[in-house]
N, C-alpha and C. Protein backbone atom coordinates (compact mmCIF):
# COMPACT_ATOMS: atom_id res chain seq x y z
N UNK A 1 0.77 -1.00 0.02
CA UNK A 1 0.06 0.00 0.13
C UNK A 1 0.94 1.33 0.00
N UNK A 2 0.58 2.17 -0.87
CA UNK A 2 1.55 3.38 -0.88
C UNK A 2 0.74 4.41 -0.08
N UNK A 3 1.52 5.62 0.11
CA UNK A 3 0.90 6.56 1.22
C UNK A 3 -0.33 7.29 0.53
N UNK A 4 -0.85 7.20 -0.47
CA UNK A 4 -1.82 7.86 -1.21
C UNK A 4 -2.96 7.04 -0.87
N UNK A 5 -2.86 5.60 -0.90
CA UNK A 5 -4.04 4.76 -0.64
C UNK A 5 -4.53 4.86 0.78
N UNK A 6 -5.86 4.92 0.76
CA UNK A 6 -6.62 4.93 1.97
C UNK A 6 -6.61 3.51 2.58
N UNK A 7 -6.57 3.20 3.93
CA UNK A 7 -6.84 1.73 4.32
C UNK A 7 -8.12 1.42 4.14
N UNK A 8 -8.09 0.15 3.98
CA UNK A 8 -9.42 -0.55 3.86
C UNK A 8 -10.36 -0.52 5.09
N UNK A 9 -11.56 -0.38 4.97
CA UNK A 9 -12.46 -0.31 6.18
C UNK A 9 -13.55 -1.44 6.01
N UNK A 10 -13.83 -1.91 7.17
CA UNK A 10 -14.92 -2.85 7.35
C UNK A 10 -16.28 -2.63 6.46
N UNK A 11 -16.80 -3.63 5.54
CA UNK A 11 -17.88 -3.32 4.91
C UNK A 11 -17.78 -2.74 3.52
N UNK A 12 -16.47 -2.24 3.20
CA UNK A 12 -16.19 -1.80 1.80
C UNK A 12 -16.30 -3.02 0.92
N UNK A 13 -16.84 -2.92 -0.44
CA UNK A 13 -16.97 -3.71 -1.46
C UNK A 13 -15.66 -3.75 -2.15
N UNK A 14 -15.11 -5.21 -2.31
CA UNK A 14 -13.85 -5.20 -2.95
C UNK A 14 -13.76 -6.26 -3.87
N UNK A 15 -12.61 -6.46 -4.84
CA UNK A 15 -12.29 -7.58 -5.75
C UNK A 15 -11.03 -7.69 -5.62
N UNK A 16 -10.61 -8.85 -6.24
CA UNK A 16 -9.21 -9.11 -6.34
C UNK A 16 -8.55 -8.53 -7.76
N UNK A 17 -7.37 -8.10 -7.63
CA UNK A 17 -7.05 -7.16 -8.78
C UNK A 17 -6.71 -7.96 -9.93
N UNK A 18 -6.18 -9.22 -9.84
CA UNK A 18 -5.76 -9.95 -10.90
C UNK A 18 -6.82 -11.11 -11.25
N UNK A 19 -7.75 -11.26 -10.63
CA UNK A 19 -8.91 -12.41 -10.90
C UNK A 19 -9.59 -12.27 -12.21
N UNK A 20 -9.59 -13.14 -13.04
CA UNK A 20 -10.47 -13.02 -14.34
C UNK A 20 -11.85 -12.95 -14.23
N UNK A 21 -12.43 -13.31 -13.31
CA UNK A 21 -13.91 -13.22 -13.19
C UNK A 21 -14.37 -12.06 -12.35
N UNK A 22 -13.39 -11.14 -11.61
CA UNK A 22 -13.78 -9.98 -10.93
C UNK A 22 -14.68 -10.45 -9.52
N UNK A 23 -14.47 -11.37 -8.67
CA UNK A 23 -15.20 -11.69 -7.63
C UNK A 23 -15.55 -10.46 -6.73
N UNK A 24 -16.80 -10.49 -6.24
CA UNK A 24 -17.07 -9.47 -5.32
C UNK A 24 -17.20 -9.82 -3.96
N UNK A 25 -16.60 -9.15 -3.00
CA UNK A 25 -16.73 -9.37 -1.31
C UNK A 25 -16.67 -8.21 -0.71
N UNK A 26 -17.13 -8.46 0.49
CA UNK A 26 -16.99 -7.38 1.44
C UNK A 26 -16.10 -7.53 2.64
N UNK A 27 -15.15 -6.42 2.97
CA UNK A 27 -14.40 -6.55 3.92
C UNK A 27 -14.98 -6.81 5.38
N UNK A 28 -14.51 -7.82 6.04
CA UNK A 28 -14.88 -8.24 7.28
C UNK A 28 -14.17 -7.67 8.39
N UNK A 29 -12.80 -7.53 8.24
CA UNK A 29 -11.50 -7.12 9.13
C UNK A 29 -10.46 -6.66 8.42
N UNK A 30 -9.73 -5.89 9.01
CA UNK A 30 -8.38 -5.58 8.47
C UNK A 30 -7.42 -5.89 9.65
N UNK A 31 -6.19 -6.36 9.28
CA UNK A 31 -5.11 -6.32 10.40
C UNK A 31 -4.70 -4.95 10.84
N UNK A 32 -4.28 -5.03 12.08
CA UNK A 32 -3.67 -3.70 12.56
C UNK A 32 -2.70 -3.01 11.63
N UNK A 33 -1.88 -4.01 11.16
CA UNK A 33 -0.80 -3.64 10.29
C UNK A 33 -1.14 -3.20 8.95
N UNK A 34 -2.51 -3.40 8.56
CA UNK A 34 -3.14 -2.84 7.21
C UNK A 34 -2.59 -4.05 6.20
N UNK A 35 -1.94 -4.90 6.27
CA UNK A 35 -1.32 -5.78 5.11
C UNK A 35 -2.32 -6.74 4.70
N UNK A 36 -3.28 -7.19 5.50
CA UNK A 36 -4.26 -8.32 5.43
C UNK A 36 -5.38 -8.00 5.59
N UNK A 37 -6.50 -8.58 4.93
CA UNK A 37 -7.78 -8.25 5.34
C UNK A 37 -8.96 -9.54 5.23
N UNK A 38 -9.82 -9.82 5.98
CA UNK A 38 -10.65 -10.88 5.98
C UNK A 38 -11.77 -10.41 5.01
N UNK A 39 -12.01 -11.11 3.81
CA UNK A 39 -13.04 -10.84 2.87
C UNK A 39 -14.00 -11.87 2.97
N UNK A 40 -15.33 -11.52 3.06
CA UNK A 40 -16.47 -12.39 2.84
C UNK A 40 -17.09 -12.34 1.49
N UNK A 41 -16.63 -13.37 0.76
CA UNK A 41 -16.99 -13.48 -0.68
C UNK A 41 -18.64 -13.47 -1.12
N UNK A 42 -19.15 -12.78 -1.91
CA UNK A 42 -20.47 -13.02 -2.36
C UNK A 42 -20.56 -13.75 -3.77
N UNK A 43 -19.59 -13.21 -4.67
CA UNK A 43 -19.58 -13.79 -6.02
C UNK A 43 -18.08 -14.19 -6.34
N UNK A 44 -17.73 -15.41 -6.16
CA UNK A 44 -16.41 -15.86 -6.49
C UNK A 44 -16.70 -17.39 -6.49
N UNK A 45 -16.65 -17.71 -7.90
CA UNK A 45 -16.90 -19.36 -8.27
C UNK A 45 -16.12 -20.26 -7.20
N UNK A 46 -16.66 -21.01 -6.63
CA UNK A 46 -16.24 -22.05 -5.50
C UNK A 46 -16.01 -21.28 -4.18
N UNK A 47 -16.02 -20.13 -4.13
CA UNK A 47 -15.84 -19.66 -2.79
C UNK A 47 -16.84 -18.80 -2.25
N UNK A 48 -18.05 -18.72 -2.89
CA UNK A 48 -19.25 -18.13 -2.33
C UNK A 48 -19.60 -18.33 -0.84
N UNK A 49 -19.67 -17.28 0.04
CA UNK A 49 -20.08 -17.41 1.21
C UNK A 49 -18.88 -17.81 2.17
N UNK A 50 -17.68 -17.76 1.80
CA UNK A 50 -16.37 -18.07 2.27
C UNK A 50 -15.92 -16.82 2.91
N UNK A 51 -15.17 -16.92 3.78
CA UNK A 51 -14.29 -15.89 4.39
C UNK A 51 -12.79 -16.16 4.40
N UNK A 52 -12.16 -15.42 3.46
CA UNK A 52 -10.53 -15.77 3.26
C UNK A 52 -9.85 -14.58 3.64
N UNK A 53 -8.46 -14.78 4.16
CA UNK A 53 -7.57 -13.61 4.36
C UNK A 53 -6.97 -13.37 3.16
N UNK A 54 -6.95 -12.00 2.81
CA UNK A 54 -6.15 -11.80 1.48
C UNK A 54 -5.08 -10.60 1.78
N UNK A 55 -4.10 -10.67 1.12
CA UNK A 55 -3.15 -9.48 1.08
C UNK A 55 -3.68 -8.25 0.70
N UNK A 56 -3.85 -7.10 1.34
CA UNK A 56 -4.45 -5.98 0.81
C UNK A 56 -3.97 -5.42 -0.46
N UNK A 57 -2.76 -5.70 -0.81
CA UNK A 57 -2.26 -5.34 -1.96
C UNK A 57 -2.68 -6.00 -3.11
N UNK A 58 -3.52 -7.07 -2.99
CA UNK A 58 -4.07 -7.95 -3.88
C UNK A 58 -5.72 -7.46 -3.99
N UNK A 59 -5.96 -6.58 -3.18
CA UNK A 59 -7.48 -6.17 -3.52
C UNK A 59 -7.64 -4.73 -4.07
N UNK A 60 -8.82 -4.33 -4.64
CA UNK A 60 -9.03 -3.07 -4.97
C UNK A 60 -10.42 -2.76 -4.57
N UNK A 61 -10.93 -1.61 -4.19
CA UNK A 61 -12.26 -1.37 -4.08
C UNK A 61 -13.13 -1.32 -5.44
N UNK A 62 -14.27 -1.79 -5.16
CA UNK A 62 -15.29 -1.70 -6.44
C UNK A 62 -16.10 -0.35 -6.69
N UNK A 63 -15.76 0.20 -7.79
CA UNK A 63 -16.40 1.57 -7.88
C UNK A 63 -17.87 1.59 -8.22
N UNK A 64 -18.68 2.53 -7.81
CA UNK A 64 -20.11 2.61 -8.00
C UNK A 64 -20.36 2.07 -9.54
N UNK A 65 -19.61 2.82 -10.48
CA UNK A 65 -19.83 2.49 -11.88
C UNK A 65 -19.77 1.06 -12.22
N UNK A 66 -19.09 0.29 -11.40
CA UNK A 66 -18.87 -1.16 -11.80
C UNK A 66 -20.04 -2.03 -11.16
N UNK A 67 -20.82 -1.40 -10.40
CA UNK A 67 -22.03 -2.18 -9.97
C UNK A 67 -22.91 -2.40 -10.94
N UNK A 68 -23.67 -3.63 -10.95
CA UNK A 68 -24.63 -4.00 -11.83
C UNK A 68 -25.95 -3.10 -11.34
N UNK A 69 -26.63 -2.54 -12.58
CA UNK A 69 -27.76 -1.84 -12.07
C UNK A 69 -28.91 -2.68 -11.75
N UNK A 70 -29.61 -2.27 -10.67
CA UNK A 70 -30.91 -2.95 -10.27
C UNK A 70 -31.94 -3.05 -11.15
N UNK A 71 -32.68 -3.89 -11.38
CA UNK A 71 -33.82 -4.14 -12.25
C UNK A 71 -34.91 -3.08 -11.63
N UNK A 72 -35.55 -2.29 -12.80
CA UNK A 72 -36.58 -1.49 -12.25
C UNK A 72 -37.90 -2.24 -12.07
């Protein structure tokens, strides 16, 4: 993490930077050092509803524009 990056916070929607399917999950907790985060995956083939520990350098926030539109 560089100095310009804000630390991840609980509840933020994230994905893995290099995953081809762009899984989506929410931050459950972040290590005090900020280098690892527990992520509860919502869409990640084979890992749905799992909580994994990921290096924060491998994560990125999901921007609003990347969210699927809700059906009207």
